[in-house]
Amino acid sequence: MQIEKFNETLEIWINELNKFSFEQLLKKPDEKSWSLGQVYMHIIEEANWYNDQCKLALSDIENTDKPLSDDAKKLFEAGSFADKKIHADPVISENVKHP
């Protein structure tokens, strides 16, 4: 079940987080990269936004008769996002708010 996989992943992330000092969480590998702390904050913020979207989608039956897009089908079949590095300006990314 997907929720079990999610909970296992969450537990791993929490256990790994406890292995780092506050200073290590703030350290950036270079000027254009995020610190580990920024990555954790991003994941928390995005997970909260995603969960809100899930609640909204589950409460709205307006589009239940519409098919999934090809991209959505691929994502569901894979069961995860593509494993690729993403580079973004941390300052810009911190200021981006979802609509």
N, C-alpha and C. Protein backbone atom coordinates (compact mmCIF):
# COMPACT_ATOMS: atom_id res chain seq x y z
N MET A 1 0.84 -1.19 0.00
CA MET A 1 0.00 0.00 0.00
C MET A 1 0.89 1.25 0.00
N GLN A 2 0.49 2.28 -0.72
CA GLN A 2 1.29 3.49 -0.88
C GLN A 2 1.51 4.24 0.44
N ILE A 3 0.52 4.28 1.33
CA ILE A 3 0.68 5.01 2.59
C ILE A 3 1.76 4.37 3.45
N GLU A 4 1.88 3.05 3.39
CA GLU A 4 2.93 2.37 4.15
C GLU A 4 4.31 2.75 3.61
N LYS A 5 4.42 2.81 2.28
CA LYS A 5 5.68 3.20 1.66
C LYS A 5 6.01 4.65 2.03
N PHE A 6 5.00 5.51 2.03
CA PHE A 6 5.19 6.91 2.42
C PHE A 6 5.68 7.00 3.86
N ASN A 7 5.04 6.27 4.77
CA ASN A 7 5.43 6.31 6.17
C ASN A 7 6.84 5.77 6.38
N GLU A 8 7.21 4.73 5.64
CA GLU A 8 8.57 4.20 5.73
C GLU A 8 9.59 5.25 5.27
N THR A 9 9.28 5.92 4.18
CA THR A 9 10.17 6.96 3.68
C THR A 9 10.29 8.10 4.68
N LEU A 10 9.17 8.51 5.24
CA LEU A 10 9.17 9.58 6.24
C LEU A 10 10.03 9.21 7.44
N GLU A 11 9.93 7.99 7.88
CA GLU A 11 10.73 7.53 9.02
C GLU A 11 12.23 7.57 8.69
N ILE A 12 12.59 7.17 7.49
CA ILE A 12 13.99 7.23 7.07
C ILE A 12 14.48 8.67 7.09
N TRP A 13 13.69 9.58 6.52
CA TRP A 13 14.10 11.00 6.48
C TRP A 13 14.26 11.58 7.89
N ILE A 14 13.37 11.23 8.79
CA ILE A 14 13.46 11.73 10.17
C ILE A 14 14.71 11.16 10.85
N ASN A 15 14.94 9.86 10.69
CA ASN A 15 16.13 9.24 11.30
C ASN A 15 17.41 9.83 10.74
N GLU A 16 17.45 10.07 9.43
CA GLU A 16 18.64 10.66 8.82
C GLU A 16 18.85 12.10 9.28
N LEU A 17 17.78 12.84 9.45
CA LEU A 17 17.88 14.23 9.89
C LEU A 17 18.57 14.33 11.24
N ASN A 18 18.30 13.38 12.11
CA ASN A 18 18.89 13.39 13.45
C ASN A 18 20.40 13.16 13.45
N LYS A 19 20.96 12.77 12.33
CA LYS A 19 22.40 12.51 12.24
C LYS A 19 23.21 13.78 11.95
N PHE A 20 22.53 14.89 11.68
CA PHE A 20 23.21 16.12 11.29
C PHE A 20 23.11 17.18 12.37
N SER A 21 24.17 17.95 12.51
CA SER A 21 24.14 19.09 13.43
C SER A 21 23.43 20.25 12.74
N PHE A 22 23.06 21.25 13.51
CA PHE A 22 22.41 22.43 12.96
C PHE A 22 23.32 23.12 11.94
N GLU A 23 24.61 23.17 12.25
CA GLU A 23 25.57 23.79 11.34
C GLU A 23 25.64 23.03 10.01
N GLN A 24 25.59 21.71 10.08
CA GLN A 24 25.63 20.91 8.86
C GLN A 24 24.37 21.14 8.02
N LEU A 25 23.25 21.34 8.67
CA LEU A 25 22.00 21.58 7.94
C LEU A 25 22.02 22.94 7.22
N LEU A 26 22.81 23.87 7.73
CA LEU A 26 22.88 25.20 7.12
C LEU A 26 23.94 25.31 6.03
N LYS A 27 24.88 24.38 6.01
CA LYS A 27 26.00 24.45 5.06
C LYS A 27 25.55 24.15 3.64
N LYS A 28 25.97 25.02 2.73
CA LYS A 28 25.66 24.84 1.31
C LYS A 28 26.91 24.36 0.59
N PRO A 29 26.78 23.37 -0.29
CA PRO A 29 27.96 22.86 -1.00
C PRO A 29 28.60 23.90 -1.90
N ASP A 30 27.79 24.81 -2.42
CA ASP A 30 28.29 25.94 -3.21
C ASP A 30 27.21 27.01 -3.25
N GLU A 31 27.53 28.14 -3.83
CA GLU A 31 26.62 29.29 -3.81
C GLU A 31 25.29 29.03 -4.53
N LYS A 32 25.30 28.16 -5.52
CA LYS A 32 24.10 27.92 -6.31
C LYS A 32 23.29 26.71 -5.84
N SER A 33 23.73 26.07 -4.77
CA SER A 33 23.04 24.87 -4.29
C SER A 33 22.32 25.16 -2.98
N TRP A 34 21.36 24.31 -2.68
CA TRP A 34 20.64 24.41 -1.43
C TRP A 34 21.40 23.70 -0.33
N SER A 35 21.19 24.16 0.89
CA SER A 35 21.69 23.43 2.05
C SER A 35 20.74 22.26 2.30
N LEU A 36 21.18 21.31 3.09
CA LEU A 36 20.33 20.18 3.43
C LEU A 36 19.08 20.67 4.17
N GLY A 37 19.25 21.67 5.01
CA GLY A 37 18.10 22.24 5.73
C GLY A 37 17.08 22.83 4.76
N GLN A 38 17.56 23.50 3.71
CA GLN A 38 16.64 24.05 2.71
C GLN A 38 15.90 22.94 1.97
N VAL A 39 16.59 21.84 1.72
CA VAL A 39 15.95 20.71 1.05
C VAL A 39 14.84 20.16 1.94
N TYR A 40 15.13 19.97 3.23
CA TYR A 40 14.11 19.48 4.16
C TYR A 40 12.92 20.43 4.22
N MET A 41 13.18 21.73 4.32
CA MET A 41 12.08 22.71 4.39
C MET A 41 11.26 22.68 3.11
N HIS A 42 11.91 22.55 1.98
CA HIS A 42 11.21 22.49 0.70
C HIS A 42 10.29 21.26 0.66
N ILE A 43 10.82 20.14 1.10
CA ILE A 43 10.02 18.91 1.08
C ILE A 43 8.81 19.03 2.01
N ILE A 44 9.01 19.61 3.18
CA ILE A 44 7.90 19.79 4.12
C ILE A 44 6.84 20.70 3.53
N GLU A 45 7.27 21.84 2.97
CA GLU A 45 6.32 22.79 2.39
C GLU A 45 5.58 22.18 1.20
N GLU A 46 6.30 21.46 0.35
CA GLU A 46 5.66 20.85 -0.82
C GLU A 46 4.73 19.71 -0.42
N ALA A 47 5.11 18.95 0.60
CA ALA A 47 4.25 17.86 1.07
C ALA A 47 2.95 18.43 1.63
N ASN A 48 3.05 19.53 2.38
CA ASN A 48 1.84 20.17 2.91
C ASN A 48 0.95 20.67 1.78
N TRP A 49 1.55 21.31 0.78
CA TRP A 49 0.79 21.80 -0.37
C TRP A 49 0.14 20.63 -1.11
N TYR A 50 0.92 19.57 -1.33
CA TYR A 50 0.43 18.38 -2.03
C TYR A 50 -0.74 17.76 -1.27
N ASN A 51 -0.61 17.63 0.04
CA ASN A 51 -1.68 17.04 0.84
C ASN A 51 -2.95 17.88 0.76
N ASP A 52 -2.80 19.20 0.78
CA ASP A 52 -3.97 20.08 0.63
C ASP A 52 -4.62 19.86 -0.74
N GLN A 53 -3.80 19.69 -1.78
CA GLN A 53 -4.34 19.44 -3.11
C GLN A 53 -5.07 18.11 -3.17
N CYS A 54 -4.53 17.10 -2.49
CA CYS A 54 -5.19 15.79 -2.44
C CYS A 54 -6.56 15.90 -1.77
N LYS A 55 -6.61 16.62 -0.65
CA LYS A 55 -7.89 16.81 0.05
C LYS A 55 -8.89 17.51 -0.86
N LEU A 56 -8.42 18.53 -1.55
CA LEU A 56 -9.29 19.27 -2.47
C LEU A 56 -9.79 18.36 -3.59
N ALA A 57 -8.88 17.58 -4.17
CA ALA A 57 -9.25 16.69 -5.26
C ALA A 57 -10.25 15.62 -4.80
N LEU A 58 -10.07 15.12 -3.60
CA LEU A 58 -10.97 14.09 -3.10
C LEU A 58 -12.36 14.63 -2.76
N SER A 59 -12.45 15.93 -2.53
CA SER A 59 -13.74 16.53 -2.20
C SER A 59 -14.47 17.07 -3.43
N ASP A 60 -13.85 17.00 -4.59
CA ASP A 60 -14.43 17.56 -5.82
C ASP A 60 -14.57 16.45 -6.86
N ILE A 61 -15.80 16.15 -7.25
CA ILE A 61 -16.02 15.07 -8.22
C ILE A 61 -16.24 15.60 -9.63
N GLU A 62 -16.01 16.87 -9.85
CA GLU A 62 -16.30 17.50 -11.14
C GLU A 62 -15.58 16.84 -12.32
N ASN A 63 -14.35 16.39 -12.13
CA ASN A 63 -13.56 15.85 -13.24
C ASN A 63 -13.33 14.35 -13.17
N THR A 64 -14.13 13.65 -12.42
CA THR A 64 -13.92 12.20 -12.25
C THR A 64 -14.12 11.42 -13.54
N ASP A 65 -14.82 11.99 -14.48
CA ASP A 65 -15.06 11.28 -15.74
C ASP A 65 -13.99 11.55 -16.79
N LYS A 66 -13.02 12.39 -16.46
CA LYS A 66 -11.97 12.75 -17.42
C LYS A 66 -10.78 11.80 -17.28
N PRO A 67 -10.13 11.44 -18.39
CA PRO A 67 -8.98 10.53 -18.33
C PRO A 67 -7.72 11.24 -17.81
N LEU A 68 -6.80 10.44 -17.30
CA LEU A 68 -5.50 10.98 -16.87
C LEU A 68 -4.71 11.43 -18.10
N SER A 69 -3.87 12.44 -17.90
CA SER A 69 -2.96 12.84 -18.98
C SER A 69 -1.88 11.77 -19.11
N ASP A 70 -1.16 11.77 -20.22
CA ASP A 70 -0.08 10.80 -20.42
C ASP A 70 0.99 10.95 -19.34
N ASP A 71 1.32 12.19 -18.98
CA ASP A 71 2.33 12.42 -17.93
C ASP A 71 1.85 11.86 -16.59
N ALA A 72 0.57 12.06 -16.29
CA ALA A 72 0.03 11.54 -15.02
C ALA A 72 0.06 10.02 -15.02
N LYS A 73 -0.28 9.40 -16.14
CA LYS A 73 -0.24 7.94 -16.23
C LYS A 73 1.16 7.41 -15.96
N LYS A 74 2.17 8.06 -16.57
CA LYS A 74 3.56 7.63 -16.37
C LYS A 74 3.96 7.76 -14.91
N LEU A 75 3.57 8.85 -14.28
CA LEU A 75 3.91 9.08 -12.88
C LEU A 75 3.27 8.02 -11.99
N PHE A 76 2.00 7.72 -12.22
CA PHE A 76 1.32 6.71 -11.41
C PHE A 76 1.90 5.32 -11.65
N GLU A 77 2.24 5.01 -12.89
CA GLU A 77 2.83 3.71 -13.19
C GLU A 77 4.19 3.54 -12.53
N ALA A 78 4.98 4.62 -12.53
CA ALA A 78 6.31 4.56 -11.91
C ALA A 78 6.21 4.54 -10.38
N GLY A 79 5.18 5.15 -9.86
CA GLY A 79 5.01 5.22 -8.41
C GLY A 79 5.91 6.23 -7.74
N SER A 80 6.60 7.06 -8.55
CA SER A 80 7.49 8.08 -7.98
C SER A 80 7.89 9.07 -9.08
N PHE A 81 8.51 10.14 -8.66
CA PHE A 81 9.02 11.12 -9.61
C PHE A 81 10.32 10.60 -10.22
N ALA A 82 10.70 11.16 -11.34
CA ALA A 82 11.96 10.77 -11.99
C ALA A 82 13.13 11.08 -11.07
N ASP A 83 14.13 10.21 -11.10
CA ASP A 83 15.32 10.39 -10.27
C ASP A 83 16.31 11.26 -11.03
N LYS A 84 16.21 12.58 -10.80
CA LYS A 84 17.12 13.49 -11.49
C LYS A 84 17.43 14.67 -10.59
N LYS A 85 18.63 15.22 -10.76
CA LYS A 85 19.05 16.38 -10.00
C LYS A 85 18.38 17.62 -10.55
N ILE A 86 17.94 18.46 -9.65
CA ILE A 86 17.31 19.72 -10.04
C ILE A 86 18.11 20.85 -9.43
N HIS A 87 18.43 21.83 -10.24
CA HIS A 87 19.13 23.01 -9.74
C HIS A 87 18.19 24.20 -9.80
N ALA A 88 18.13 24.93 -8.71
CA ALA A 88 17.31 26.13 -8.66
C ALA A 88 17.98 27.14 -7.76
N ASP A 89 17.74 28.39 -8.02
CA ASP A 89 18.28 29.45 -7.18
C ASP A 89 17.53 29.42 -5.85
N PRO A 90 18.21 29.13 -4.73
CA PRO A 90 17.52 29.02 -3.44
C PRO A 90 16.76 30.28 -3.07
N VAL A 91 17.28 31.43 -3.38
CA VAL A 91 16.61 32.68 -3.02
C VAL A 91 15.30 32.80 -3.78
N ILE A 92 15.34 32.55 -5.06
CA ILE A 92 14.12 32.61 -5.88
C ILE A 92 13.15 31.53 -5.44
N SER A 93 13.64 30.32 -5.23
CA SER A 93 12.79 29.20 -4.86
C SER A 93 12.09 29.44 -3.51
N GLU A 94 12.77 30.07 -2.57
CA GLU A 94 12.17 30.34 -1.28
C GLU A 94 11.02 31.34 -1.38
N ASN A 95 11.05 32.18 -2.41
CA ASN A 95 10.04 33.21 -2.57
C ASN A 95 8.88 32.77 -3.45
N VAL A 96 8.96 31.60 -4.04
CA VAL A 96 7.91 31.11 -4.92
C VAL A 96 6.77 30.56 -4.07
N LYS A 97 5.58 31.03 -4.33
CA LYS A 97 4.39 30.56 -3.62
C LYS A 97 3.47 29.93 -4.64
N HIS A 98 2.79 28.88 -4.21
CA HIS A 98 1.84 28.22 -5.09
C HIS A 98 0.62 29.11 -5.25
N PRO A 99 -0.05 28.97 -6.39
CA PRO A 99 -1.26 29.79 -6.60
C PRO A 99 -2.35 29.42 -5.63
